[in-house]
All heavy atoms as atom14 arrays in JSON, in Angstrom:
{
  "sequence": "FLLFAVLHITGPAAAARSAVAIEGARFETAASIKDNLQA",
  "atom14_mask": [
    [1, 1, 1, 1, 1, 1, 1, 1, 1, 1, 1, 0, 0, 0],
    [1, 1, 1, 1, 1, 1, 1, 1, 0, 0, 0, 0, 0, 0],
    [1, 1, 1, 1, 1, 1, 1, 1, 0, 0, 0, 0, 0, 0],
    [1, 1, 1, 1, 1, 1, 1, 1, 1, 1, 1, 0, 0, 0],
    [1, 1, 1, 1, 1, 0, 0, 0, 0, 0, 0, 0, 0, 0],
    [1, 1, 1, 1, 1, 1, 1, 0, 0, 0, 0, 0, 0, 0],
    [1, 1, 1, 1, 1, 1, 1, 1, 0, 0, 0, 0, 0, 0],
    [1, 1, 1, 1, 1, 1, 1, 1, 1, 1, 0, 0, 0, 0],
    [1, 1, 1, 1, 1, 1, 1, 1, 0, 0, 0, 0, 0, 0],
    [1, 1, 1, 1, 1, 1, 1, 0, 0, 0, 0, 0, 0, 0],
    [1, 1, 1, 1, 0, 0, 0, 0, 0, 0, 0, 0, 0, 0],
    [1, 1, 1, 1, 1, 1, 1, 0, 0, 0, 0, 0, 0, 0],
    [1, 1, 1, 1, 1, 0, 0, 0, 0, 0, 0, 0, 0, 0],
    [1, 1, 1, 1, 1, 0, 0, 0, 0, 0, 0, 0, 0, 0],
    [1, 1, 1, 1, 1, 0, 0, 0, 0, 0, 0, 0, 0, 0],
    [1, 1, 1, 1, 1, 0, 0, 0, 0, 0, 0, 0, 0, 0],
    [1, 1, 1, 1, 1, 1, 1, 1, 1, 1, 1, 0, 0, 0],
    [1, 1, 1, 1, 1, 1, 0, 0, 0, 0, 0, 0, 0, 0],
    [1, 1, 1, 1, 1, 0, 0, 0, 0, 0, 0, 0, 0, 0],
    [1, 1, 1, 1, 1, 1, 1, 0, 0, 0, 0, 0, 0, 0],
    [1, 1, 1, 1, 1, 0, 0, 0, 0, 0, 0, 0, 0, 0],
    [1, 1, 1, 1, 1, 1, 1, 1, 0, 0, 0, 0, 0, 0],
    [1, 1, 1, 1, 1, 1, 1, 1, 1, 0, 0, 0, 0, 0],
    [1, 1, 1, 1, 0, 0, 0, 0, 0, 0, 0, 0, 0, 0],
    [1, 1, 1, 1, 1, 0, 0, 0, 0, 0, 0, 0, 0, 0],
    [1, 1, 1, 1, 1, 1, 1, 1, 1, 1, 1, 0, 0, 0],
    [1, 1, 1, 1, 1, 1, 1, 1, 1, 1, 1, 0, 0, 0],
    [1, 1, 1, 1, 1, 1, 1, 1, 1, 0, 0, 0, 0, 0],
    [1, 1, 1, 1, 1, 1, 1, 0, 0, 0, 0, 0, 0, 0],
    [1, 1, 1, 1, 1, 0, 0, 0, 0, 0, 0, 0, 0, 0],
    [1, 1, 1, 1, 1, 0, 0, 0, 0, 0, 0, 0, 0, 0],
    [1, 1, 1, 1, 1, 1, 0, 0, 0, 0, 0, 0, 0, 0],
    [1, 1, 1, 1, 1, 1, 1, 1, 0, 0, 0, 0, 0, 0],
    [1, 1, 1, 1, 1, 1, 1, 1, 1, 0, 0, 0, 0, 0],
    [1, 1, 1, 1, 1, 1, 1, 1, 0, 0, 0, 0, 0, 0],
    [1, 1, 1, 1, 1, 1, 1, 1, 0, 0, 0, 0, 0, 0],
    [1, 1, 1, 1, 1, 1, 1, 1, 0, 0, 0, 0, 0, 0],
    [1, 1, 1, 1, 1, 1, 1, 1, 1, 0, 0, 0, 0, 0],
    [1, 1, 1, 1, 1, 0, 0, 0, 0, 0, 0, 0, 0, 0]
  ],
  "atom14_positions": [
    [[0.83, -1.2, 0.0], [0.0, 0.0, 0.0], [0.87, 1.26, 0.0], [0.6, 2.21, -0.74], [-0.94, 0.0, 1.21], [-1.75, 1.25, 1.32], [-2.85, 1.45, 0.49], [-1.4, 2.24, 2.22], [-3.59, 2.61, 0.57], [-2.14, 3.41, 2.3], [-3.23, 3.6, 1.48], [0.0, 0.0, 0.0], [0.0, 0.0, 0.0], [0.0, 0.0, 0.0]],
    [[1.9, 1.29, 0.84], [2.79, 2.45, 0.89], [3.52, 2.65, -0.44], [3.65, 3.78, -0.9], [3.81, 2.29, 2.03], [3.24, 2.43, 3.45], [4.31, 2.11, 4.47], [2.66, 3.81, 3.65], [0.0, 0.0, 0.0], [0.0, 0.0, 0.0], [0.0, 0.0, 0.0], [0.0, 0.0, 0.0], [0.0, 0.0, 0.0], [0.0, 0.0, 0.0]],
    [[3.98, 1.57, -1.04], [4.65, 1.67, -2.34], [3.7, 2.21, -3.4], [4.06, 3.09, -4.18], [5.19, 0.3, -2.75], [5.96, 0.25, -4.07], [7.19, 1.16, -4.01], [6.37, -1.17, -4.39], [0.0, 0.0, 0.0], [0.0, 0.0, 0.0], [0.0, 0.0, 0.0], [0.0, 0.0, 0.0], [0.0, 0.0, 0.0], [0.0, 0.0, 0.0]],
    [[2.47, 1.71, -3.42], [1.46, 2.2, -4.36], [1.2, 3.69, -4.13], [1.11, 4.47, -5.08], [0.16, 1.41, -4.21], [-0.95, 1.95, -5.05], [-1.01, 1.68, -6.4], [-1.94, 2.75, -4.49], [-2.02, 2.19, -7.19], [-2.94, 3.27, -5.26], [-3.0, 3.0, -6.61], [0.0, 0.0, 0.0], [0.0, 0.0, 0.0], [0.0, 0.0, 0.0]],
    [[1.09, 4.12, -2.87], [0.82, 5.52, -2.55], [1.96, 6.42, -3.02], [1.73, 7.48, -3.61], [0.59, 5.68, -1.05], [0.0, 0.0, 0.0], [0.0, 0.0, 0.0], [0.0, 0.0, 0.0], [0.0, 0.0, 0.0], [0.0, 0.0, 0.0], [0.0, 0.0, 0.0], [0.0, 0.0, 0.0], [0.0, 0.0, 0.0], [0.0, 0.0, 0.0]],
    [[3.19, 6.0, -2.78], [4.35, 6.8, -3.21], [4.39, 6.91, -4.72], [4.6, 7.99, -5.28], [5.66, 6.19, -2.66], [6.87, 6.81, -3.32], [5.73, 6.37, -1.15], [0.0, 0.0, 0.0], [0.0, 0.0, 0.0], [0.0, 0.0, 0.0], [0.0, 0.0, 0.0], [0.0, 0.0, 0.0], [0.0, 0.0, 0.0], [0.0, 0.0, 0.0]],
    [[4.19, 5.82, -5.43], [4.21, 5.85, -6.89], [3.06, 6.67, -7.45], [3.2, 7.37, -8.44], [4.18, 4.43, -7.45], [5.44, 3.61, -7.24], [5.22, 2.18, -7.73], [6.62, 4.24, -7.93], [0.0, 0.0, 0.0], [0.0, 0.0, 0.0], [0.0, 0.0, 0.0], [0.0, 0.0, 0.0], [0.0, 0.0, 0.0], [0.0, 0.0, 0.0]],
    [[1.93, 6.61, -6.81], [0.76, 7.36, -7.27], [0.97, 8.86, -7.08], [0.57, 9.67, -7.93], [-0.49, 6.89, -6.52], [-1.74, 7.57, -6.97], [-2.28, 7.37, -8.22], [-2.54, 8.48, -6.35], [-3.37, 8.11, -8.35], [-3.55, 8.79, -7.23], [0.0, 0.0, 0.0], [0.0, 0.0, 0.0], [0.0, 0.0, 0.0], [0.0, 0.0, 0.0]],
    [[1.6, 9.25, -5.98], [1.81, 10.67, -5.68], [2.93, 11.25, -6.55], [2.8, 12.33, -7.11], [2.14, 10.87, -4.19], [0.89, 10.57, -3.36], [2.63, 12.27, -3.91], [1.15, 10.46, -1.88], [0.0, 0.0, 0.0], [0.0, 0.0, 0.0], [0.0, 0.0, 0.0], [0.0, 0.0, 0.0], [0.0, 0.0, 0.0], [0.0, 0.0, 0.0]],
    [[4.06, 10.54, -6.68], [5.2, 11.08, -7.42], [5.09, 10.86, -8.92], [5.75, 11.55, -9.69], [6.53, 10.46, -6.93], [6.47, 9.05, -7.13], [6.78, 10.8, -5.48], [0.0, 0.0, 0.0], [0.0, 0.0, 0.0], [0.0, 0.0, 0.0], [0.0, 0.0, 0.0], [0.0, 0.0, 0.0], [0.0, 0.0, 0.0], [0.0, 0.0, 0.0]],
    [[4.27, 9.92, -9.35], [4.15, 9.63, -10.79], [3.74, 10.82, -11.63], [4.42, 11.19, -12.58], [0.0, 0.0, 0.0], [0.0, 0.0, 0.0], [0.0, 0.0, 0.0], [0.0, 0.0, 0.0], [0.0, 0.0, 0.0], [0.0, 0.0, 0.0], [0.0, 0.0, 0.0], [0.0, 0.0, 0.0], [0.0, 0.0, 0.0], [0.0, 0.0, 0.0]],
    [[2.64, 11.51, -11.32], [2.22, 12.65, -12.12], [3.24, 13.79, -12.11], [3.45, 14.46, -13.11], [0.91, 13.09, -11.47], [0.41, 11.89, -10.78], [1.63, 11.13, -10.34], [0.0, 0.0, 0.0], [0.0, 0.0, 0.0], [0.0, 0.0, 0.0], [0.0, 0.0, 0.0], [0.0, 0.0, 0.0], [0.0, 0.0, 0.0], [0.0, 0.0, 0.0]],
    [[3.9, 14.01, -10.98], [4.89, 15.09, -10.91], [6.07, 14.78, -11.81], [6.6, 15.65, -12.49], [5.36, 15.27, -9.46], [0.0, 0.0, 0.0], [0.0, 0.0, 0.0], [0.0, 0.0, 0.0], [0.0, 0.0, 0.0], [0.0, 0.0, 0.0], [0.0, 0.0, 0.0], [0.0, 0.0, 0.0], [0.0, 0.0, 0.0], [0.0, 0.0, 0.0]],
    [[6.51, 13.53, -11.82], [7.64, 13.15, -12.67], [7.25, 13.19, -14.14], [8.05, 13.55, -14.99], [8.13, 11.75, -12.29], [0.0, 0.0, 0.0], [0.0, 0.0, 0.0], [0.0, 0.0, 0.0], [0.0, 0.0, 0.0], [0.0, 0.0, 0.0], [0.0, 0.0, 0.0], [0.0, 0.0, 0.0], [0.0, 0.0, 0.0], [0.0, 0.0, 0.0]],
    [[6.0, 12.82, -14.45], [5.55, 12.82, -15.84], [5.41, 14.24, -16.38], [5.54, 14.46, -17.58], [4.22, 12.08, -15.96], [0.0, 0.0, 0.0], [0.0, 0.0, 0.0], [0.0, 0.0, 0.0], [0.0, 0.0, 0.0], [0.0, 0.0, 0.0], [0.0, 0.0, 0.0], [0.0, 0.0, 0.0], [0.0, 0.0, 0.0], [0.0, 0.0, 0.0]],
    [[5.16, 15.21, -15.52], [4.98, 16.59, -15.96], [6.3, 17.22, -16.39], [6.31, 18.19, -17.12], [4.36, 17.41, -14.84], [0.0, 0.0, 0.0], [0.0, 0.0, 0.0], [0.0, 0.0, 0.0], [0.0, 0.0, 0.0], [0.0, 0.0, 0.0], [0.0, 0.0, 0.0], [0.0, 0.0, 0.0], [0.0, 0.0, 0.0], [0.0, 0.0, 0.0]],
    [[7.41, 16.68, -15.92], [8.73, 17.21, -16.29], [9.11, 16.72, -17.68], [8.8, 15.6, -18.05], [9.78, 16.77, -15.28], [9.56, 17.38, -13.92], [10.58, 16.9, -12.95], [11.91, 17.02, -13.53], [12.97, 17.47, -12.87], [12.86, 17.83, -11.64], [14.14, 17.54, -13.45], [0.0, 0.0, 0.0], [0.0, 0.0, 0.0], [0.0, 0.0, 0.0]],
    [[9.78, 17.58, -18.42], [10.24, 17.17, -19.74], [11.54, 17.89, -20.07], [11.87, 18.9, -19.46], [9.18, 17.47, -20.8], [8.94, 18.86, -20.85], [0.0, 0.0, 0.0], [0.0, 0.0, 0.0], [0.0, 0.0, 0.0], [0.0, 0.0, 0.0], [0.0, 0.0, 0.0], [0.0, 0.0, 0.0], [0.0, 0.0, 0.0], [0.0, 0.0, 0.0]],
    [[12.24, 17.38, -21.06], [13.49, 17.99, -21.49], [13.17, 19.21, -22.35], [12.39, 19.14, -23.29], [14.33, 17.0, -22.27], [0.0, 0.0, 0.0], [0.0, 0.0, 0.0], [0.0, 0.0, 0.0], [0.0, 0.0, 0.0], [0.0, 0.0, 0.0], [0.0, 0.0, 0.0], [0.0, 0.0, 0.0], [0.0, 0.0, 0.0], [0.0, 0.0, 0.0]],
    [[13.8, 20.34, -22.0], [13.57, 21.59, -22.72], [14.92, 22.08, -23.26], [15.94, 22.02, -22.57], [12.98, 22.65, -21.75], [12.8, 23.98, -22.44], [11.67, 22.15, -21.17], [0.0, 0.0, 0.0], [0.0, 0.0, 0.0], [0.0, 0.0, 0.0], [0.0, 0.0, 0.0], [0.0, 0.0, 0.0], [0.0, 0.0, 0.0], [0.0, 0.0, 0.0]],
    [[14.91, 22.56, -24.48], [16.14, 23.07, -25.1], [16.66, 24.29, -24.35], [15.89, 25.15, -23.92], [15.88, 23.42, -26.56], [0.0, 0.0, 0.0], [0.0, 0.0, 0.0], [0.0, 0.0, 0.0], [0.0, 0.0, 0.0], [0.0, 0.0, 0.0], [0.0, 0.0, 0.0], [0.0, 0.0, 0.0], [0.0, 0.0, 0.0], [0.0, 0.0, 0.0]],
    [[17.97, 24.37, -24.2], [18.62, 25.52, -23.57], [18.84, 26.57, -24.64], [19.44, 26.29, -25.69], [19.95, 25.12, -22.91], [19.7, 24.14, -21.77], [20.69, 26.35, -22.41], [20.95, 23.57, -21.14], [0.0, 0.0, 0.0], [0.0, 0.0, 0.0], [0.0, 0.0, 0.0], [0.0, 0.0, 0.0], [0.0, 0.0, 0.0], [0.0, 0.0, 0.0]],
    [[18.35, 27.77, -24.37], [18.45, 28.85, -25.35], [19.91, 29.2, -25.63], [20.72, 29.35, -24.72], [17.73, 30.09, -24.82], [17.62, 31.2, -25.84], [16.82, 32.38, -25.32], [15.96, 32.18, -24.46], [17.08, 33.49, -25.8], [0.0, 0.0, 0.0], [0.0, 0.0, 0.0], [0.0, 0.0, 0.0], [0.0, 0.0, 0.0], [0.0, 0.0, 0.0]],
    [[20.26, 29.29, -26.89], [21.61, 29.68, -27.3], [22.61, 28.54, -27.38], [23.73, 28.73, -27.83], [0.0, 0.0, 0.0], [0.0, 0.0, 0.0], [0.0, 0.0, 0.0], [0.0, 0.0, 0.0], [0.0, 0.0, 0.0], [0.0, 0.0, 0.0], [0.0, 0.0, 0.0], [0.0, 0.0, 0.0], [0.0, 0.0, 0.0], [0.0, 0.0, 0.0]],
    [[22.23, 27.35, -26.94], [23.15, 26.21, -27.0], [23.13, 25.64, -28.42], [22.12, 25.18, -28.9], [22.74, 25.15, -26.0], [0.0, 0.0, 0.0], [0.0, 0.0, 0.0], [0.0, 0.0, 0.0], [0.0, 0.0, 0.0], [0.0, 0.0, 0.0], [0.0, 0.0, 0.0], [0.0, 0.0, 0.0], [0.0, 0.0, 0.0], [0.0, 0.0, 0.0]],
    [[24.29, 25.73, -29.07], [24.37, 25.19, -30.44], [25.83, 24.97, -30.81], [26.74, 25.55, -30.23], [23.71, 26.11, -31.44], [24.34, 27.48, -31.55], [23.57, 28.35, -32.54], [23.95, 29.73, -32.5], [25.06, 30.25, -32.99], [25.94, 29.49, -33.58], [25.32, 31.53, -32.91], [0.0, 0.0, 0.0], [0.0, 0.0, 0.0], [0.0, 0.0, 0.0]],
    [[26.06, 24.12, -31.78], [27.36, 23.9, -32.4], [27.25, 24.31, -33.85], [26.21, 24.12, -34.48], [27.79, 22.43, -32.34], [28.22, 21.95, -30.97], [27.8, 20.73, -30.49], [29.06, 22.71, -30.18], [28.21, 20.27, -29.26], [29.47, 22.26, -28.94], [29.04, 21.03, -28.48], [0.0, 0.0, 0.0], [0.0, 0.0, 0.0], [0.0, 0.0, 0.0]],
    [[28.3, 24.86, -34.39], [28.37, 25.21, -35.81], [29.32, 24.23, -36.49], [30.53, 24.27, -36.26], [28.88, 26.65, -36.0], [27.91, 27.7, -35.54], [26.65, 27.75, -36.39], [26.7, 27.41, -37.59], [25.61, 28.13, -35.83], [0.0, 0.0, 0.0], [0.0, 0.0, 0.0], [0.0, 0.0, 0.0], [0.0, 0.0, 0.0], [0.0, 0.0, 0.0]],
    [[28.78, 23.35, -37.32], [29.61, 22.33, -37.96], [30.53, 22.91, -39.02], [31.54, 22.31, -39.35], [28.74, 21.23, -38.58], [27.82, 21.83, -39.5], [27.98, 20.47, -37.51], [0.0, 0.0, 0.0], [0.0, 0.0, 0.0], [0.0, 0.0, 0.0], [0.0, 0.0, 0.0], [0.0, 0.0, 0.0], [0.0, 0.0, 0.0], [0.0, 0.0, 0.0]],
    [[30.21, 24.08, -39.55], [31.06, 24.71, -40.55], [32.21, 25.48, -39.9], [33.15, 25.89, -40.59], [30.23, 25.65, -41.42], [0.0, 0.0, 0.0], [0.0, 0.0, 0.0], [0.0, 0.0, 0.0], [0.0, 0.0, 0.0], [0.0, 0.0, 0.0], [0.0, 0.0, 0.0], [0.0, 0.0, 0.0], [0.0, 0.0, 0.0], [0.0, 0.0, 0.0]],
    [[32.15, 25.68, -38.59], [33.18, 26.44, -37.87], [34.22, 25.51, -37.26], [34.02, 24.29, -37.19], [32.52, 27.28, -36.79], [0.0, 0.0, 0.0], [0.0, 0.0, 0.0], [0.0, 0.0, 0.0], [0.0, 0.0, 0.0], [0.0, 0.0, 0.0], [0.0, 0.0, 0.0], [0.0, 0.0, 0.0], [0.0, 0.0, 0.0], [0.0, 0.0, 0.0]],
    [[35.31, 26.09, -36.79], [36.38, 25.32, -36.16], [36.04, 25.03, -34.69], [35.09, 25.59, -34.13], [37.69, 26.11, -36.22], [37.57, 27.28, -35.42], [0.0, 0.0, 0.0], [0.0, 0.0, 0.0], [0.0, 0.0, 0.0], [0.0, 0.0, 0.0], [0.0, 0.0, 0.0], [0.0, 0.0, 0.0], [0.0, 0.0, 0.0], [0.0, 0.0, 0.0]],
    [[36.83, 24.16, -34.09], [36.69, 23.87, -32.65], [36.86, 25.17, -31.88], [36.11, 25.46, -30.94], [37.74, 22.83, -32.19], [37.47, 21.46, -32.8], [37.82, 22.76, -30.68], [36.45, 20.62, -32.08], [0.0, 0.0, 0.0], [0.0, 0.0, 0.0], [0.0, 0.0, 0.0], [0.0, 0.0, 0.0], [0.0, 0.0, 0.0], [0.0, 0.0, 0.0]],
    [[37.82, 25.99, -32.27], [38.09, 27.27, -31.61], [36.85, 28.14, -31.63], [36.44, 28.68, -30.59], [39.25, 27.97, -32.29], [39.53, 29.35, -31.75], [40.57, 30.06, -32.6], [40.58, 31.51, -32.23], [41.12, 32.36, -33.24], [0.0, 0.0, 0.0], [0.0, 0.0, 0.0], [0.0, 0.0, 0.0], [0.0, 0.0, 0.0], [0.0, 0.0, 0.0]],
    [[36.23, 28.3, -32.79], [35.04, 29.14, -32.91], [33.89, 28.59, -32.07], [33.14, 29.34, -31.45], [34.62, 29.27, -34.37], [35.64, 30.04, -35.2], [36.4, 30.84, -34.61], [35.67, 29.84, -36.43], [0.0, 0.0, 0.0], [0.0, 0.0, 0.0], [0.0, 0.0, 0.0], [0.0, 0.0, 0.0], [0.0, 0.0, 0.0], [0.0, 0.0, 0.0]],
    [[33.72, 27.28, -32.05], [32.67, 26.67, -31.25], [32.93, 26.88, -29.77], [32.0, 27.16, -29.0], [32.54, 25.18, -31.57], [31.68, 24.94, -32.79], [30.47, 25.08, -32.73], [32.31, 24.59, -33.91], [0.0, 0.0, 0.0], [0.0, 0.0, 0.0], [0.0, 0.0, 0.0], [0.0, 0.0, 0.0], [0.0, 0.0, 0.0], [0.0, 0.0, 0.0]],
    [[34.18, 26.77, -29.33], [34.5, 26.99, -27.92], [34.26, 28.44, -27.53], [33.82, 28.72, -26.41], [35.94, 26.58, -27.63], [36.18, 25.08, -27.49], [37.67, 24.77, -27.47], [35.49, 24.52, -26.25], [0.0, 0.0, 0.0], [0.0, 0.0, 0.0], [0.0, 0.0, 0.0], [0.0, 0.0, 0.0], [0.0, 0.0, 0.0], [0.0, 0.0, 0.0]],
    [[34.53, 29.37, -28.42], [34.28, 30.79, -28.13], [32.79, 31.03, -27.88], [32.42, 31.85, -27.04], [34.79, 31.68, -29.26], [36.3, 31.81, -29.25], [36.83, 32.59, -30.43], [36.23, 32.64, -31.49], [37.99, 33.19, -30.23], [0.0, 0.0, 0.0], [0.0, 0.0, 0.0], [0.0, 0.0, 0.0], [0.0, 0.0, 0.0], [0.0, 0.0, 0.0]],
    [[31.94, 30.31, -28.59], [30.49, 30.46, -28.39], [30.06, 29.9, -27.03], [29.0, 30.27, -26.53], [29.74, 29.74, -29.51], [0.0, 0.0, 0.0], [0.0, 0.0, 0.0], [0.0, 0.0, 0.0], [0.0, 0.0, 0.0], [0.0, 0.0, 0.0], [0.0, 0.0, 0.0], [0.0, 0.0, 0.0], [0.0, 0.0, 0.0], [0.0, 0.0, 0.0]]
  ]
}
């Protein structure tokens, strides 16, 4: 019963989270390693 209660309570909270893109994070494949590191 306790295990069911914990899973029932935390399940919806965990499902609501999702991976979101970080603004400005990118690589330029046409640029050098140096240029990418500067970004």
